[in-house]
Amino acid sequence: MISWAVPRALEGWDTRAMLLLVPRNQAGQPLDLEGHLLLFSARVRKCMVLHYATRALGPGADEVIGARLAEVEELVRRVEPLDELQGPPAEPPPFAR
């Protein structure tokens, strides 16, 4: 399943997001899903791409994937892109821990 959206994130940026759900199980095997969030943002002379991938196995895998993708989408809404390169942040973003 593929879904395109225009999220209300990154004020001042033209942003598109793609959500993908990929079933990976064979017939007779437990549910195995992969979820991807691809975010593309641009403004004059700047661009940003984010790819988040997650995987869940077993009953409720679709709900686990959905919750994880929703959490990352919410974190992206709070991102404040740097106007100039200022070096790495003092702490990694929450989803990298």
Protein backbone atom coordinates (compact mmCIF):
# COMPACT_ATOMS: atom_id res chain seq x y z
CA MET A 1 0.00 0.00 0.00
CA ILE A 2 1.30 3.46 -0.88
CA SER A 3 -0.10 6.73 0.42
CA TRP A 4 0.98 10.27 -0.55
CA ALA A 5 0.25 13.23 1.69
CA VAL A 6 1.05 16.91 2.02
CA PRO A 7 1.82 17.17 5.74
CA ARG A 8 1.47 20.37 7.72
CA ALA A 9 5.10 20.30 8.79
CA LEU A 10 8.19 22.41 8.32
CA GLU A 11 6.70 25.87 7.96
CA GLY A 12 7.99 27.66 4.87
CA TRP A 13 8.99 24.42 3.14
CA ASP A 14 7.18 22.62 0.29
CA THR A 15 6.76 19.13 1.75
CA ARG A 16 5.48 15.79 0.47
CA ALA A 17 5.36 12.52 2.39
CA MET A 18 4.99 8.93 1.25
CA LEU A 19 3.87 6.13 3.56
CA LEU A 20 4.51 2.56 2.46
CA LEU A 21 3.33 -0.68 4.04
CA VAL A 22 5.05 -3.76 2.67
CA PRO A 23 3.90 -7.27 3.65
CA ARG A 24 6.89 -9.60 3.85
CA ASN A 25 5.33 -12.87 5.03
CA GLN A 26 5.02 -16.06 3.05
CA ALA A 27 1.77 -18.03 2.95
CA GLY A 28 1.14 -19.74 6.28
CA GLN A 29 3.72 -17.62 8.11
CA PRO A 30 3.01 -15.06 10.88
CA LEU A 31 2.27 -11.52 9.77
CA ASP A 32 5.50 -9.67 8.95
CA LEU A 33 5.15 -6.02 7.91
CA GLU A 34 7.59 -3.31 6.96
CA GLY A 35 6.61 0.36 7.17
CA HIS A 36 8.39 3.32 5.60
CA LEU A 37 7.95 7.07 5.91
CA LEU A 38 9.66 9.07 3.17
CA LEU A 39 9.56 12.84 3.60
CA PHE A 40 10.74 15.25 0.89
CA SER A 41 10.98 18.97 1.69
CA ALA A 42 12.39 21.85 -0.32
CA ARG A 43 12.62 25.59 -0.46
CA VAL A 44 14.85 27.93 -2.42
CA ARG A 45 18.34 26.35 -2.69
CA LYS A 46 17.68 23.90 0.14
CA CYS A 47 16.29 20.39 0.37
CA MET A 48 15.81 17.70 2.96
CA VAL A 49 14.94 14.00 2.74
CA LEU A 50 14.03 11.75 5.65
CA HIS A 51 13.56 8.00 5.43
CA TYR A 52 12.30 6.09 8.48
CA ALA A 53 11.83 2.33 8.28
CA THR A 54 10.40 -0.09 10.84
CA ARG A 55 9.34 -3.73 10.92
CA ALA A 56 6.95 -5.73 13.13
CA LEU A 57 6.06 -9.41 13.32
CA GLY A 58 3.00 -11.31 14.46
CA PRO A 59 -0.56 -10.39 15.42
CA GLY A 60 -1.11 -6.64 15.63
CA ALA A 61 1.92 -5.87 13.44
CA ASP A 62 -0.17 -3.41 11.43
CA GLU A 63 -1.10 -1.50 14.61
CA VAL A 64 2.52 -1.45 15.81
CA ILE A 65 3.73 -0.12 12.44
CA GLY A 66 0.95 2.49 12.37
CA ALA A 67 1.79 3.72 15.87
CA ARG A 68 5.50 3.98 15.08
CA LEU A 69 4.91 5.87 11.83
CA ALA A 70 2.49 8.25 13.59
CA GLU A 71 5.09 8.93 16.30
CA VAL A 72 7.79 9.75 13.75
CA GLU A 73 5.37 11.94 11.78
CA GLU A 74 4.63 13.89 14.98
CA LEU A 75 8.37 14.31 15.66
CA VAL A 76 8.87 15.64 12.12
CA ARG A 77 6.22 18.31 12.78
CA ARG A 78 8.49 19.65 15.53
CA VAL A 79 11.68 19.70 13.43
CA GLU A 80 13.27 23.11 12.94
CA PRO A 81 15.66 22.86 9.97
CA LEU A 82 18.86 24.84 10.28
CA ASP A 83 19.23 27.83 7.97
CA GLU A 84 22.99 27.46 8.01
CA LEU A 85 25.19 24.50 8.82
CA GLN A 86 25.94 24.83 12.53
CA GLY A 87 27.51 21.46 13.26
CA PRO A 88 25.87 18.42 14.82
CA PRO A 89 23.24 18.90 17.53
CA ALA A 90 24.30 18.51 21.16
CA GLU A 91 21.94 15.52 21.54
CA PRO A 92 20.64 13.06 18.94
CA PRO A 93 16.99 13.43 17.92
CA PRO A 94 14.53 11.41 20.06
CA PHE A 95 13.86 8.81 17.36
CA ALA A 96 17.62 8.02 17.07
CA ARG A 97 17.94 6.87 20.69
